């Protein structure tokens, strides 16, 4: 599955501010930023990402996902402190 396809599924489904998807072979890394994650537990945030992708996961098209979720405020801090 193409990384842009994943971004196009997630962005409107969750009204994300930013979404980045990278792939290394069959392993996909997702970084999602949105107000929708505010107040959610980490498990609920992961479930929110999985929901729009479930058809692709159950078909086997996607199977290895690494997910990081942030509110816009958390993302600003992440970029300052943890990104080169």
Protein backbone atom coordinates (compact mmCIF):
# COMPACT_ATOMS: atom_id res chain seq x y z
CA UNK A 1 0.00 0.00 0.00
CA UNK A 2 1.25 3.47 -0.86
CA UNK A 3 2.07 5.85 2.02
CA UNK A 4 -0.01 8.63 0.42
CA UNK A 5 -3.05 6.33 0.38
CA UNK A 6 -2.71 5.80 4.13
CA UNK A 7 -2.39 9.54 4.71
CA UNK A 8 -5.48 10.14 2.55
CA UNK A 9 -7.48 7.61 4.58
CA UNK A 10 -6.43 8.97 7.98
CA UNK A 11 -6.51 12.74 7.47
CA UNK A 12 -10.21 13.19 6.69
CA UNK A 13 -11.36 10.34 8.96
CA UNK A 14 -9.76 11.94 12.03
CA UNK A 15 -9.56 15.57 10.87
CA UNK A 16 -5.81 15.52 11.44
CA UNK A 17 -3.70 18.67 11.37
CA UNK A 18 -0.70 16.72 10.08
CA UNK A 19 -0.06 13.09 9.16
CA UNK A 20 3.18 11.50 8.00
CA UNK A 21 3.55 7.93 6.81
CA UNK A 22 6.83 6.26 5.91
CA UNK A 23 7.49 2.71 4.81
CA UNK A 24 10.44 0.38 5.09
CA UNK A 25 9.50 -2.74 3.21
CA UNK A 26 6.20 -3.87 4.72
CA UNK A 27 6.62 -1.89 7.96
CA UNK A 28 4.78 1.42 8.10
CA UNK A 29 5.42 4.26 10.53
CA UNK A 30 2.61 6.71 11.17
CA UNK A 31 2.92 10.06 12.92
CA UNK A 32 -0.49 11.66 13.38
CA UNK A 33 -1.21 15.11 14.82
CA UNK A 34 -4.69 16.27 15.72
CA UNK A 35 -6.94 17.80 18.34
CA UNK A 36 -8.92 14.56 18.26
CA UNK A 37 -6.26 12.95 20.50
CA UNK A 38 -6.70 15.47 23.31
CA UNK A 39 -7.83 13.68 26.46
CA UNK A 40 -7.64 10.20 24.89
CA UNK A 41 -5.63 7.38 26.43
CA UNK A 42 -2.77 6.01 24.32
CA UNK A 43 -4.82 2.89 23.62
CA UNK A 44 -7.78 4.94 22.38
CA UNK A 45 -5.42 6.98 20.19
CA UNK A 46 -4.04 3.78 18.63
CA UNK A 47 -7.59 2.48 18.10
CA UNK A 48 -8.55 5.76 16.42
CA UNK A 49 -5.72 5.26 13.91
CA UNK A 50 -6.55 1.59 13.33
CA UNK A 51 -10.27 2.21 12.70
CA UNK A 52 -10.04 3.83 9.22
CA UNK A 53 -7.35 1.29 8.23
CA UNK A 54 -9.15 -1.84 9.45
CA UNK A 55 -10.21 -3.04 5.97
CA UNK A 56 -6.58 -2.87 4.82
CA UNK A 57 -5.35 -4.59 7.99
CA UNK A 58 -7.84 -7.46 7.81
CA UNK A 59 -7.06 -7.99 4.10
CA UNK A 60 -3.36 -8.31 4.94
CA UNK A 61 -2.47 -5.27 2.85
CA UNK A 62 -1.17 -3.61 6.04
CA UNK A 63 0.23 -5.60 8.91
CA UNK A 64 3.22 -3.91 10.57
CA UNK A 65 2.38 -0.49 11.96
CA UNK A 66 4.27 1.78 14.30
CA UNK A 67 2.04 4.63 15.47
CA UNK A 68 2.86 7.88 17.25
CA UNK A 69 0.06 10.31 18.02
CA UNK A 70 0.23 13.89 19.24
CA UNK A 71 -2.02 16.85 19.91
CA UNK A 72 -0.78 19.97 18.09
CA UNK A 73 0.72 21.25 21.36
CA UNK A 74 2.51 17.96 22.02
CA UNK A 75 3.77 17.95 18.43
CA UNK A 76 5.31 21.41 18.84
CA UNK A 77 7.22 20.19 21.91
CA UNK A 78 8.23 16.98 20.11
CA UNK A 79 9.68 18.94 17.19
CA UNK A 80 11.66 21.21 19.51
CA UNK A 81 13.06 18.58 21.86
CA UNK A 82 13.23 15.30 19.95
CA UNK A 83 13.72 16.02 16.28
CA UNK A 84 17.08 16.86 14.71
